[in-house]
Amino acid sequence: MATIKAFRGYRPTKELAAKVASRPYDVLNRQEALAESNPYSYLHIIRAEIDLPDVENPYDKKVYKKAKKNFEQFVKEGVLKQDVANCLYVYAQTMNGRQQVGLMTCTSIEDYQNDVIKKHEFTRPSKEQDRINHISTTKIHSGPVLMAYPQINVIDAVINQVTQKQAPEYDFTADDGIQHTLWVIDDVSIIQTLVDLFDSEVEAIYIADGHHRAASSTKVGLKLKEENENHTGKEGYNYFLSVLFPDNQLQIIDYNRVVKDLNGLSTDEFLQKVSHKFEVEEYGLAQVKPAQHYIFGMFLEGEWYKLTAKKGTYNTTDPIESLDIAVLSNNLIAPILGITDQRTDDRIDFVGGIRGLKELEKRVNSGEMRVAFSIYPVSIQQLINVANSGNVMPPKSTWFEPKLRSGLVTHKF
């Protein structure tokens, strides 16, 4: 069963919350990060290279040391203050009129090891090492891991009681139009009720977004455990920062592909090969955003095509083979375009659906890419099925929106 833990979070003062809260470290490129001019932005902690413009390597040790110094400076100046008692936090996000409400807490590295916390993708060693260095140097969990758990009415009722009867600590709309609202739970009885409910009712929780943060936090915690002769299991390093949402509230949007070339094929040869496994319809300038499984959009030489996978090209009962990206990969990307490992092949790139289909057109029309594919999004249930099977999804299969803001609550250990 799932373990959650209250903690004394470091939080911005109410008047600075909107200025401190930042986009996650991994959704900004270097140029976007360096453009940050807000002195209160949490990017000074999660992307400290913005204060070291002469340091070209974002993984330089100087960057992690600067992150530690910046966090300490934020605390010293009162930008961030620690709660006086152990708390849980309710975090709501509202995007385009749709709201999701989660519980911000600490989750257990033991649960991660024992597969109570379930995964659905591999991590990349370089990205993992980056977060290990950041966590080890700063001794903080700066960005929460987004997780889902099977919706449970009694847990909903407790959280709803908090949001309906208690005034929020923060409530602001960020520059991207997403509203962020946070409630602080410091009532010992409510905290214990939620801890007990997760312990008795929740058999598994599922990483939605943040596999690298979870894996890195676990490795740092295990190392500190090994080094601590007086380890008790209660130390802060045994836990990491997470936000847990009921699975019926989370929404996955499309995660699309662009490819640099046609693997030596002419346009006609390529279309001919595609037609063996897909029904191909010309759509001209009309964008193709798939409305159901096993239909794909393809943008090639200024025109859109609708691709419908033919019967026999997919298996609806297998948790991996039934995924739309697996169908596209197995029948087109690998056999026709020759891309067998999408994690390492530099001929392929990934475009989050939040950028829209215009971004696919832009990448192709600029000459940077030759062909683009729009893909129907993975469902939460598909994600859970894959995780329960012990398998992993193809890389870059899921894109969650809205993203959790960093800096609203920090876990220091």
Protein backbone atom coordinates (compact mmCIF):
# COMPACT_ATOMS: atom_id res chain seq x y z
CA MET A 1 0.00 0.00 0.00
CA ALA A 2 1.11 3.58 -0.63
CA THR A 3 3.00 5.67 1.91
CA ILE A 4 2.64 9.43 2.06
CA LYS A 5 4.32 11.75 4.55
CA ALA A 6 3.70 15.28 5.76
CA PHE A 7 6.72 17.60 5.90
CA ARG A 8 7.77 21.16 6.70
CA GLY A 9 7.85 22.69 3.26
CA TYR A 10 9.69 25.83 2.23
CA ARG A 11 7.22 28.17 0.50
CA PRO A 12 7.23 31.67 -0.95
CA THR A 13 5.49 34.45 0.92
CA LYS A 14 1.95 34.99 -0.31
CA GLU A 15 2.75 38.19 -2.18
CA LEU A 16 5.70 36.58 -4.01
CA ALA A 17 4.16 33.20 -4.88
CA ALA A 18 3.29 34.10 -8.48
CA LYS A 19 6.78 35.54 -9.05
CA VAL A 20 8.60 32.60 -7.50
CA ALA A 21 6.64 29.79 -9.17
CA SER A 22 8.33 28.77 -12.42
CA ARG A 23 7.91 26.30 -15.22
CA PRO A 24 9.71 22.97 -14.64
CA TYR A 25 13.44 22.77 -15.30
CA ASP A 26 13.08 20.38 -18.23
CA VAL A 27 10.57 22.26 -20.40
CA LEU A 28 12.86 25.23 -21.08
CA ASN A 29 15.82 25.28 -23.43
CA ARG A 30 19.00 27.14 -22.51
CA GLN A 31 18.03 30.28 -24.41
CA GLU A 32 14.63 30.46 -22.72
CA ALA A 33 16.21 29.95 -19.30
CA LEU A 34 18.90 32.57 -19.87
CA ALA A 35 16.22 35.07 -20.87
CA GLU A 36 14.74 34.98 -17.34
CA SER A 37 14.91 38.44 -15.76
CA ASN A 38 12.71 37.91 -12.70
CA PRO A 39 14.97 37.99 -9.59
CA TYR A 40 12.45 35.91 -7.60
CA SER A 41 11.99 33.16 -10.17
CA TYR A 42 12.61 29.62 -8.92
CA LEU A 43 14.61 29.10 -12.11
CA HIS A 44 17.52 30.59 -10.15
CA ILE A 45 17.43 27.33 -8.18
CA ILE A 46 16.42 24.71 -10.75
CA ARG A 47 18.33 26.27 -13.68
CA ALA A 48 21.09 28.15 -11.87
CA GLU A 49 23.11 28.54 -15.08
CA ILE A 50 21.01 31.65 -15.71
CA ASP A 51 23.25 33.32 -13.11
CA LEU A 52 26.41 31.93 -14.71
CA PRO A 53 26.16 33.06 -18.36
CA ASP A 54 29.85 32.39 -18.95
CA VAL A 55 29.47 28.71 -17.99
CA GLU A 56 28.60 26.89 -21.23
CA ASN A 57 27.98 23.47 -19.69
CA PRO A 58 24.67 23.37 -17.73
CA TYR A 59 26.00 20.27 -15.93
CA ASP A 60 29.09 22.03 -14.58
CA LYS A 61 29.60 21.59 -10.82
CA LYS A 62 29.48 25.38 -10.51
CA VAL A 63 25.82 25.30 -11.59
CA TYR A 64 24.78 22.96 -8.77
CA LYS A 65 26.78 24.92 -6.20
CA LYS A 66 25.12 28.11 -7.42
CA ALA A 67 21.71 26.45 -7.08
CA LYS A 68 22.48 25.61 -3.45
CA LYS A 69 23.67 29.15 -2.78
CA ASN A 70 20.60 30.65 -4.45
CA PHE A 71 18.24 28.50 -2.39
CA GLU A 72 20.01 29.52 0.80
CA GLN A 73 19.85 33.16 -0.28
CA PHE A 74 16.11 32.93 -0.95
CA VAL A 75 15.65 31.55 2.56
CA LYS A 76 17.93 34.16 4.14
CA GLU A 77 16.08 37.00 2.41
CA GLY A 78 12.68 35.62 3.41
CA VAL A 79 11.58 34.88 -0.15
CA LEU A 80 11.07 31.28 1.00
CA LYS A 81 9.98 30.42 4.52
CA GLN A 82 9.65 27.03 6.18
CA ASP A 83 6.31 25.94 7.61
CA VAL A 84 6.44 25.63 11.39
CA ALA A 85 4.74 22.20 11.42
CA ASN A 86 4.51 19.18 9.15
CA CYS A 87 1.94 19.80 6.44
CA LEU A 88 0.30 18.33 3.39
CA TYR A 89 -0.76 20.60 0.54
CA VAL A 90 -3.66 20.57 -1.91
CA TYR A 91 -2.62 21.84 -5.33
CA ALA A 92 -5.22 22.70 -7.98
CA GLN A 93 -4.57 23.70 -11.57
CA THR A 94 -7.17 25.14 -13.93
CA MET A 95 -6.56 25.20 -17.67
CA ASN A 96 -9.16 26.17 -20.27
CA GLY A 97 -11.91 25.80 -17.67
CA ARG A 98 -10.81 22.29 -16.68
CA GLN A 99 -9.49 21.71 -13.15
CA GLN A 100 -7.35 18.98 -11.62
CA VAL A 101 -6.84 18.79 -7.85
CA GLY A 102 -3.94 16.85 -6.34
CA LEU A 103 -2.29 16.21 -2.99
CA MET A 104 1.27 17.47 -2.60
CA THR A 105 3.17 15.21 -0.25
CA CYS A 106 6.33 13.21 0.20
CA THR A 107 6.37 9.69 -1.23
CA SER A 108 8.65 6.85 -0.24
CA ILE A 109 11.77 5.63 -2.02
CA GLU A 110 10.98 2.22 -0.53
CA ASP A 111 7.67 2.29 -2.40
CA TYR A 112 9.63 3.19 -5.53
CA GLN A 113 11.93 0.20 -5.04
CA ASN A 114 9.09 -2.19 -4.23
CA ASP A 115 7.02 -1.18 -7.26
CA VAL A 116 4.22 0.37 -5.23
CA ILE A 117 5.23 3.42 -7.23
CA LYS A 118 4.98 2.16 -10.80
CA LYS A 119 6.88 3.41 -13.83
CA HIS A 120 6.08 3.40 -17.53
CA GLU A 121 9.29 4.66 -19.18
CA PHE A 122 13.05 4.25 -19.07
CA THR A 123 15.25 7.06 -17.81
CA ARG A 124 18.26 8.46 -19.65
CA PRO A 125 21.54 8.25 -17.71
CA SER A 126 22.65 11.80 -18.53
CA LYS A 127 19.37 13.37 -17.38
CA GLU A 128 19.32 11.18 -14.29
CA GLN A 129 22.87 12.18 -13.36
CA ASP A 130 21.95 15.86 -13.73
CA ARG A 131 19.19 15.54 -11.12
CA ILE A 132 21.38 13.38 -8.88
CA ASN A 133 23.99 16.14 -8.88
CA HIS A 134 21.36 18.81 -8.21
CA ILE A 135 19.70 16.90 -5.36
CA SER A 136 23.00 15.80 -3.78
CA THR A 137 24.45 19.30 -3.82
CA THR A 138 21.39 21.30 -2.77
CA LYS A 139 19.85 18.72 -0.39
CA ILE A 140 16.41 19.69 -1.68
CA HIS A 141 13.73 18.17 -3.86
CA SER A 142 12.95 21.21 -5.96
CA GLY A 143 10.45 19.87 -8.51
CA PRO A 144 7.56 17.55 -7.65
CA VAL A 145 6.90 14.29 -9.45
CA LEU A 146 3.44 14.12 -11.05
CA MET A 147 1.66 10.88 -10.14
CA ALA A 148 -1.76 9.30 -10.50
CA TYR A 149 -3.69 6.94 -8.25
CA PRO A 150 -7.00 5.14 -8.81
CA GLN A 151 -9.77 7.57 -7.87
CA ILE A 152 -11.22 6.84 -4.41
CA ASN A 153 -14.34 8.60 -3.14
CA VAL A 154 -13.31 8.84 0.52
CA ILE A 155 -10.03 10.53 -0.40
CA ASP A 156 -11.87 12.91 -2.71
CA ALA A 157 -14.23 13.77 0.16
CA VAL A 158 -11.41 14.72 2.53
CA ILE A 159 -9.65 16.87 -0.08
CA ASN A 160 -12.92 18.51 -1.13
CA GLN A 161 -13.56 19.39 2.50
CA VAL A 162 -10.26 21.24 2.62
CA THR A 163 -10.85 23.19 -0.61
CA GLN A 164 -14.44 24.09 0.28
CA LYS A 165 -13.98 25.09 3.91
CA GLN A 166 -10.50 26.58 3.90
CA ALA A 167 -9.19 29.68 2.16
CA PRO A 168 -6.33 29.00 -0.26
CA GLU A 169 -2.85 30.15 0.61
CA TYR A 170 -2.07 31.00 -3.03
CA ASP A 171 -4.36 31.64 -5.97
CA PHE A 172 -2.89 33.18 -9.11
CA THR A 173 -2.92 32.88 -12.87
CA ALA A 174 0.46 32.47 -14.54
CA ASP A 175 1.49 34.20 -17.75
CA ASP A 176 0.45 31.12 -19.75
CA GLY A 177 -3.14 31.50 -18.55
CA ILE A 178 -3.09 28.54 -16.14
CA GLN A 179 -4.51 29.16 -12.67
CA HIS A 180 -2.61 27.71 -9.71
CA THR A 181 -4.25 27.38 -6.28
CA LEU A 182 -2.65 25.93 -3.14
CA TRP A 183 -4.13 25.07 0.26
CA VAL A 184 -2.02 24.21 3.30
CA ILE A 185 -3.19 21.31 5.49
CA ASP A 186 -1.71 21.70 8.96
CA ASP A 187 -4.56 20.05 10.87
CA VAL A 188 -3.02 16.93 12.44
CA SER A 189 -6.26 14.94 12.29
CA ILE A 190 -6.82 15.62 8.58
CA ILE A 191 -3.20 14.75 7.82
CA GLN A 192 -3.48 11.46 9.70
CA THR A 193 -6.75 10.63 7.95
CA LEU A 194 -5.13 11.07 4.53
CA VAL A 195 -2.02 9.11 5.55
CA ASP A 196 -4.22 6.25 6.78
CA LEU A 197 -6.42 6.29 3.67
CA PHE A 198 -3.47 5.99 1.31
CA ASP A 199 -2.05 3.23 3.49
CA SER A 200 -5.30 1.26 3.47
CA GLU A 201 -6.93 2.08 0.13
CA VAL A 202 -4.22 2.81 -2.45
CA GLU A 203 -2.36 -0.25 -3.67
CA ALA A 204 -0.28 1.56 -6.28
CA ILE A 205 0.51 5.00 -7.56
CA TYR A 206 1.72 5.69 -11.09
CA ILE A 207 4.40 8.10 -12.23
CA ALA A 208 2.86 10.27 -14.91
CA ASP A 209 5.60 12.86 -15.39
CA GLY A 210 8.94 13.01 -13.58
CA HIS A 211 10.61 9.61 -13.96
CA HIS A 212 14.08 11.18 -13.80
CA ARG A 213 13.28 13.11 -10.61
CA ALA A 214 11.89 9.99 -8.93
CA ALA A 215 14.79 7.76 -9.99
CA SER A 216 17.41 10.34 -9.01
CA SER A 217 15.81 11.03 -5.63
CA THR A 218 15.77 7.32 -4.92
CA LYS A 219 19.44 6.85 -5.82
CA VAL A 220 20.48 9.82 -3.69
CA GLY A 221 18.42 8.51 -0.78
CA LEU A 222 19.92 5.03 -1.02
CA LYS A 223 23.43 6.46 -1.08
CA LEU A 224 22.77 8.59 2.00
CA LYS A 225 21.23 5.58 3.73
CA GLU A 226 24.38 3.57 3.05
CA GLU A 227 26.58 6.37 4.40
CA ASN A 228 24.51 6.90 7.57
CA GLU A 229 25.49 4.47 10.32
CA ASN A 230 22.51 5.62 12.39
CA HIS A 231 19.92 5.30 9.63
CA THR A 232 16.39 4.91 11.00
CA GLY A 233 14.22 5.13 7.89
CA LYS A 234 12.59 8.35 9.07
CA GLU A 235 15.17 10.69 7.54
CA GLY A 236 13.98 13.14 4.90
CA TYR A 237 16.15 11.55 2.22
CA ASN A 238 13.90 8.46 2.36
CA TYR A 239 11.15 10.47 0.64
CA PHE A 240 10.74 12.75 -2.36
CA LEU A 241 8.32 15.50 -3.36
CA SER A 242 5.24 14.44 -5.34
CA VAL A 243 1.77 15.61 -6.31
CA LEU A 244 -0.79 12.79 -6.44
CA PHE A 245 -3.90 13.20 -8.60
CA PRO A 246 -6.91 10.90 -8.96
CA ASP A 247 -6.54 9.17 -12.31
CA ASN A 248 -9.89 10.46 -13.55
CA GLN A 249 -8.67 14.06 -13.36
CA LEU A 250 -5.48 13.82 -15.40
CA GLN A 251 -5.39 14.37 -19.13
CA ILE A 252 -2.68 13.28 -21.55
CA ILE A 253 -2.34 15.23 -24.79
CA ASP A 254 -0.69 14.19 -28.02
CA TYR A 255 3.08 13.84 -28.37
CA ASN A 256 3.97 14.12 -32.03
CA ARG A 257 6.97 13.26 -34.23
CA VAL A 258 9.06 15.02 -36.86
CA VAL A 259 11.68 13.25 -38.97
CA LYS A 260 14.59 14.78 -40.90
CA ASP A 261 14.55 12.62 -44.05
CA LEU A 262 12.77 9.80 -45.87
CA ASN A 263 15.59 7.30 -45.45
CA GLY A 264 16.75 7.71 -49.05
CA LEU A 265 13.30 7.27 -50.56
CA SER A 266 11.63 9.60 -53.03
CA THR A 267 8.26 11.03 -52.05
CA ASP A 268 6.43 8.61 -54.34
CA GLU A 269 8.41 5.61 -53.09
CA PHE A 270 7.74 6.62 -49.50
CA LEU A 271 3.99 7.03 -50.05
CA GLN A 272 3.85 3.71 -51.85
CA LYS A 273 5.47 1.91 -48.94
CA VAL A 274 3.20 3.68 -46.43
CA SER A 275 0.14 2.52 -48.37
CA HIS A 276 0.99 -1.13 -47.67
CA LYS A 277 0.01 -0.77 -44.02
CA PHE A 278 -2.17 2.37 -44.03
CA GLU A 279 -5.09 3.73 -45.97
CA VAL A 280 -3.72 7.04 -47.29
CA GLU A 281 -6.06 10.00 -47.94
CA GLU A 282 -4.90 13.39 -49.22
CA TYR A 283 -6.14 16.33 -47.10
CA GLY A 284 -4.14 19.14 -48.73
CA LEU A 285 -3.87 22.15 -46.42
CA ALA A 286 -6.51 20.84 -43.96
CA GLN A 287 -4.75 19.78 -40.76
CA VAL A 288 -5.26 16.22 -39.57
CA LYS A 289 -5.62 15.97 -35.79
CA PRO A 290 -6.56 12.35 -35.09
CA ALA A 291 -9.90 11.94 -33.33
CA GLN A 292 -9.57 8.24 -32.53
CA HIS A 293 -7.07 5.44 -32.15
CA TYR A 294 -5.09 4.14 -35.14
CA ILE A 295 -5.59 7.25 -37.25
CA PHE A 296 -2.59 9.51 -37.88
CA GLY A 297 -1.92 12.81 -39.54
CA MET A 298 1.12 13.16 -41.80
CA PHE A 299 2.51 16.46 -43.10
CA LEU A 300 4.76 16.09 -46.11
CA GLU A 301 5.87 18.65 -48.72
CA GLY A 302 3.31 21.23 -47.62
CA GLU A 303 0.33 18.87 -47.58
CA TRP A 304 -1.52 16.84 -44.96
CA TYR A 305 -2.43 13.17 -45.31
CA LYS A 306 -4.74 11.07 -43.17
CA LEU A 307 -3.30 7.61 -42.43
CA THR A 308 -5.62 4.89 -41.15
CA ALA A 309 -3.90 1.73 -39.94
CA LYS A 310 -5.18 -1.34 -41.78
CA LYS A 311 -6.62 -4.28 -39.89
CA GLY A 312 -3.96 -6.74 -38.87
CA THR A 313 -1.33 -4.05 -38.28
CA TYR A 314 -2.07 -3.71 -34.54
CA ASN A 315 -3.02 -5.79 -31.52
CA THR A 316 -5.70 -4.23 -29.33
CA THR A 317 -5.18 -6.66 -26.43
CA ASP A 318 -1.46 -6.09 -25.84
CA PRO A 319 -0.70 -3.10 -23.53
CA ILE A 320 2.29 -2.01 -25.64
CA GLU A 321 1.37 -3.06 -29.16
CA SER A 322 -2.06 -1.41 -28.83
CA LEU A 323 -0.52 2.05 -28.32
CA ASP A 324 -0.86 4.38 -31.30
CA ILE A 325 2.82 5.28 -31.22
CA ALA A 326 3.70 1.57 -31.27
CA VAL A 327 1.49 1.08 -34.33
CA LEU A 328 3.14 3.99 -36.12
CA SER A 329 6.61 2.84 -35.06
CA ASN A 330 6.12 -0.82 -35.98
CA ASN A 331 4.56 -0.13 -39.38
CA LEU A 332 6.23 3.08 -40.57
CA ILE A 333 8.92 4.73 -38.45
CA ALA A 334 11.05 1.60 -38.04
CA PRO A 335 10.53 -0.42 -41.26
CA ILE A 336 10.22 2.48 -43.72
CA LEU A 337 12.17 5.36 -42.15
CA GLY A 338 14.76 3.07 -40.56
CA ILE A 339 14.50 4.54 -37.06
CA THR A 340 14.61 1.64 -34.61
CA ASP A 341 15.62 3.45 -31.42
CA GLN A 342 13.78 6.73 -30.98
CA ARG A 343 15.70 7.52 -27.79
CA THR A 344 19.05 7.76 -29.53
CA ASP A 345 18.43 8.40 -33.26
CA ASP A 346 19.03 12.09 -34.02
CA ARG A 347 16.91 11.91 -37.20
CA ILE A 348 13.73 12.06 -35.13
CA ASP A 349 12.44 14.73 -32.74
CA PHE A 350 9.37 15.08 -30.54
CA VAL A 351 6.82 17.90 -30.35
CA GLY A 352 4.40 18.23 -27.45
CA GLY A 353 0.82 18.68 -28.53
CA ILE A 354 0.58 21.88 -26.51
CA ARG A 355 2.50 23.55 -29.37
CA GLY A 356 -0.23 22.65 -31.86
CA LEU A 357 -0.09 21.27 -35.39
CA LYS A 358 1.24 24.58 -36.70
CA GLU A 359 4.52 23.70 -35.03
CA LEU A 360 4.71 20.50 -37.09
CA GLU A 361 4.09 22.50 -40.27
CA LYS A 362 6.73 25.03 -39.23
CA ARG A 363 9.39 22.39 -38.62
CA VAL A 364 8.77 20.80 -42.03
CA ASN A 365 8.24 23.98 -44.06
CA SER A 366 11.49 25.44 -42.70
CA GLY A 367 13.43 22.57 -44.25
CA GLU A 368 14.67 21.41 -40.84
CA MET A 369 12.47 18.31 -41.06
CA ARG A 370 11.05 16.37 -44.01
CA VAL A 371 7.91 14.78 -42.56
CA ALA A 372 5.75 15.14 -39.44
CA PHE A 373 3.19 12.89 -37.78
CA SER A 374 0.28 13.83 -35.51
CA ILE A 375 -0.74 11.06 -33.10
CA TYR A 376 -3.81 10.30 -31.00
CA PRO A 377 -2.91 10.68 -27.31
CA VAL A 378 -2.36 7.84 -24.87
CA SER A 379 -5.12 7.43 -22.26
CA ILE A 380 -4.52 7.24 -18.52
CA GLN A 381 -5.88 3.69 -18.57
CA GLN A 382 -3.36 2.70 -21.24
CA LEU A 383 -0.58 4.17 -19.09
CA ILE A 384 -1.79 2.18 -16.07
CA ASN A 385 -2.08 -1.01 -18.13
CA VAL A 386 1.51 -0.66 -19.34
CA ALA A 387 2.83 0.08 -15.84
CA ASN A 388 0.91 -2.85 -14.34
CA SER A 389 2.32 -5.18 -16.99
CA GLY A 390 5.86 -4.28 -15.94
CA ASN A 391 6.65 -2.95 -19.41
CA VAL A 392 7.62 0.53 -20.54
CA MET A 393 6.15 2.71 -23.23
CA PRO A 394 8.03 3.82 -26.32
CA PRO A 395 9.98 7.00 -25.58
CA LYS A 396 8.09 10.30 -25.52
CA SER A 397 4.65 8.71 -25.52
CA THR A 398 2.92 10.99 -23.03
CA TRP A 399 2.66 14.75 -22.64
CA PHE A 400 0.82 16.07 -19.61
CA GLU A 401 -0.70 19.52 -19.39
CA PRO A 402 -0.82 21.61 -17.35
CA LYS A 403 2.71 21.22 -16.01
CA LEU A 404 3.31 21.45 -12.27
CA ARG A 405 4.92 24.74 -11.27
CA SER A 406 8.19 24.48 -9.38
CA GLY A 407 8.86 26.53 -6.25
CA LEU A 408 5.42 26.54 -4.64
CA VAL A 409 6.69 24.01 -2.08
CA THR A 410 10.25 22.73 -1.62
CA HIS A 411 11.25 19.64 0.37
CA LYS A 412 14.58 20.03 2.17
CA PHE A 413 16.21 16.98 3.74
